[in-house]
């Protein structure tokens, strides 16, 4: 089994800090349960349609620098609600050879519903975006 060094990430636009903190705690508990190494974590209260988000860019910088090789979120929409932004984030992870792990949804199905699965697989000379299915608890 590959050793995942993960960055746990939570995002919500709702002005409910306890719920956001619980979202991050849930992701971190699941990472710990699966035996992943938690390198860092962050949460942000921003809209999912915004692209310029400091916590998101801190996480992507860690991926680019090789400090983490996996991002862990509850679901795909925690990264972005905007399909173009989401594609850019996933393409970046793909180019860096990073893994996206969702804890509460089936990532393959989410990518299929958004149409991003085909777009990511069509890219020539690129590694496929690897994902870990949501495990039953």
Protein backbone atom coordinates (compact mmCIF):
# COMPACT_ATOMS: atom_id res chain seq x y z
CA UNK A 1 0.00 0.00 0.00
CA UNK A 2 1.28 3.44 -0.93
CA UNK A 3 2.14 5.76 1.93
CA UNK A 4 -0.06 8.83 1.73
CA UNK A 5 1.16 12.10 3.23
CA UNK A 6 -2.04 14.06 3.28
CA UNK A 7 -3.27 17.57 3.69
CA UNK A 8 -6.75 17.57 5.23
CA UNK A 9 -8.95 20.34 3.82
CA UNK A 10 -12.35 21.73 4.74
CA UNK A 11 -14.31 24.59 3.21
CA UNK A 12 -17.70 26.14 3.76
CA UNK A 13 -19.23 29.51 3.01
CA UNK A 14 -21.72 29.17 5.84
CA UNK A 15 -20.95 31.40 8.82
CA UNK A 16 -20.91 28.39 11.12
CA UNK A 17 -17.39 27.92 12.47
CA UNK A 18 -18.24 24.90 14.68
CA UNK A 19 -19.63 23.03 11.64
CA UNK A 20 -16.52 23.87 9.62
CA UNK A 21 -14.27 22.71 12.45
CA UNK A 22 -16.28 19.48 12.69
CA UNK A 23 -15.93 18.94 8.91
CA UNK A 24 -12.14 19.19 9.24
CA UNK A 25 -12.12 16.98 12.34
CA UNK A 26 -14.14 14.32 10.47
CA UNK A 27 -11.64 14.32 7.60
CA UNK A 28 -8.71 14.08 10.00
CA UNK A 29 -10.32 11.24 11.98
CA UNK A 30 -10.87 9.32 8.74
CA UNK A 31 -7.26 9.92 7.66
CA UNK A 32 -6.05 8.63 11.00
CA UNK A 33 -8.36 5.61 10.81
CA UNK A 34 -6.95 4.72 7.38
CA UNK A 35 -3.38 5.09 8.64
CA UNK A 36 -2.42 8.08 6.51
CA UNK A 37 0.23 10.53 7.64
CA UNK A 38 -1.38 13.91 8.28
CA UNK A 39 1.18 16.52 7.24
CA UNK A 40 -1.06 19.55 7.57
CA UNK A 41 -4.65 20.71 7.56
CA UNK A 42 -6.59 23.87 6.91
CA UNK A 43 -10.10 25.18 6.65
CA UNK A 44 -11.57 28.25 5.07
CA UNK A 45 -14.84 30.11 5.16
CA UNK A 46 -15.08 31.07 1.50
CA UNK A 47 -17.54 30.51 -1.31
CA UNK A 48 -16.81 27.49 -3.47
CA UNK A 49 -16.95 29.65 -6.58
CA UNK A 50 -14.01 31.81 -5.46
CA UNK A 51 -10.64 30.89 -6.93
CA UNK A 52 -8.23 33.12 -4.98
CA UNK A 53 -8.35 31.43 -1.60
CA UNK A 54 -5.25 31.54 0.65
CA UNK A 55 -5.83 28.14 2.29
CA UNK A 56 -6.36 26.46 -1.09
CA UNK A 57 -3.15 27.95 -2.46
CA UNK A 58 -1.17 26.98 0.64
CA UNK A 59 -2.33 23.40 0.12
CA UNK A 60 -1.53 23.42 -3.60
CA UNK A 61 1.91 24.87 -2.88
CA UNK A 62 2.60 21.96 -0.51
CA UNK A 63 1.60 19.55 -3.29
CA UNK A 64 3.84 21.32 -5.80
CA UNK A 65 6.79 21.22 -3.39
CA UNK A 66 6.26 17.50 -2.77
CA UNK A 67 5.54 17.91 0.94
CA UNK A 68 2.22 16.11 0.50
CA UNK A 69 1.15 13.55 -2.08
CA UNK A 70 -2.56 13.49 -1.28
CA UNK A 71 -5.39 15.88 -0.55
CA UNK A 72 -8.26 14.66 1.59
CA UNK A 73 -11.71 16.28 1.62
CA UNK A 74 -15.25 15.19 2.43
CA UNK A 75 -16.39 15.62 -1.17
CA UNK A 76 -15.33 17.14 -4.47
CA UNK A 77 -17.37 20.31 -3.92
CA UNK A 78 -15.21 21.21 -0.92
CA UNK A 79 -12.53 22.19 -3.47
CA UNK A 80 -14.83 24.25 -5.69
CA UNK A 81 -18.37 24.59 -6.99
CA UNK A 82 -17.14 26.20 -10.20
CA UNK A 83 -16.48 23.51 -12.82
CA UNK A 84 -13.66 25.43 -14.51
CA UNK A 85 -11.88 26.08 -11.21
CA UNK A 86 -12.41 22.49 -10.15
CA UNK A 87 -10.90 21.26 -13.42
CA UNK A 88 -7.87 23.52 -12.94
CA UNK A 89 -7.34 22.18 -9.41
CA UNK A 90 -7.70 18.55 -10.49
CA UNK A 91 -5.42 19.07 -13.48
CA UNK A 92 -2.83 20.60 -11.16
CA UNK A 93 -3.04 17.59 -8.82
CA UNK A 94 -2.78 15.29 -11.83
CA UNK A 95 0.33 17.07 -13.12
CA UNK A 96 1.95 16.80 -9.69
CA UNK A 97 1.06 13.11 -9.35
CA UNK A 98 -1.03 13.82 -6.25
CA UNK A 99 -4.00 11.80 -5.08
CA UNK A 100 -7.40 13.21 -4.21
CA UNK A 101 -9.23 11.29 -1.50
CA UNK A 102 -12.85 11.88 -0.55
CA UNK A 103 -14.23 10.61 2.72
CA UNK A 104 -18.00 10.79 2.24
CA UNK A 105 -18.60 10.44 -1.48
CA UNK A 106 -17.61 8.22 -4.36
CA UNK A 107 -15.09 10.38 -6.19
CA UNK A 108 -15.26 8.40 -9.42
CA UNK A 109 -19.02 8.96 -9.55
CA UNK A 110 -18.65 12.67 -8.72
CA UNK A 111 -16.12 13.09 -11.53
CA UNK A 112 -18.48 11.27 -13.89
CA UNK A 113 -21.43 13.51 -12.93
CA UNK A 114 -19.40 16.66 -13.57
CA UNK A 115 -17.99 15.32 -16.84
CA UNK A 116 -14.48 15.82 -15.54
CA UNK A 117 -13.55 12.15 -15.62
CA UNK A 118 -13.43 12.11 -19.44
CA UNK A 119 -11.65 15.48 -19.63
CA UNK A 120 -8.93 14.32 -17.25
CA UNK A 121 -8.49 10.95 -18.93
CA UNK A 122 -8.29 12.50 -22.42
CA UNK A 123 -5.21 14.51 -21.56
CA UNK A 124 -2.25 13.03 -23.41
CA UNK A 125 1.05 12.19 -21.73
CA UNK A 126 -0.39 12.80 -18.26
CA UNK A 127 -0.80 10.52 -15.32
CA UNK A 128 -4.44 9.72 -14.61
CA UNK A 129 -5.83 11.33 -11.50
CA UNK A 130 -5.82 8.58 -8.96
CA UNK A 131 -8.48 8.41 -6.39
CA UNK A 132 -9.38 6.26 -3.44
CA UNK A 133 -12.98 5.20 -3.17
CA UNK A 134 -14.97 6.14 -0.12
CA UNK A 135 -14.77 3.18 2.24
CA UNK A 136 -17.77 1.91 4.14
CA UNK A 137 -17.54 2.76 7.81
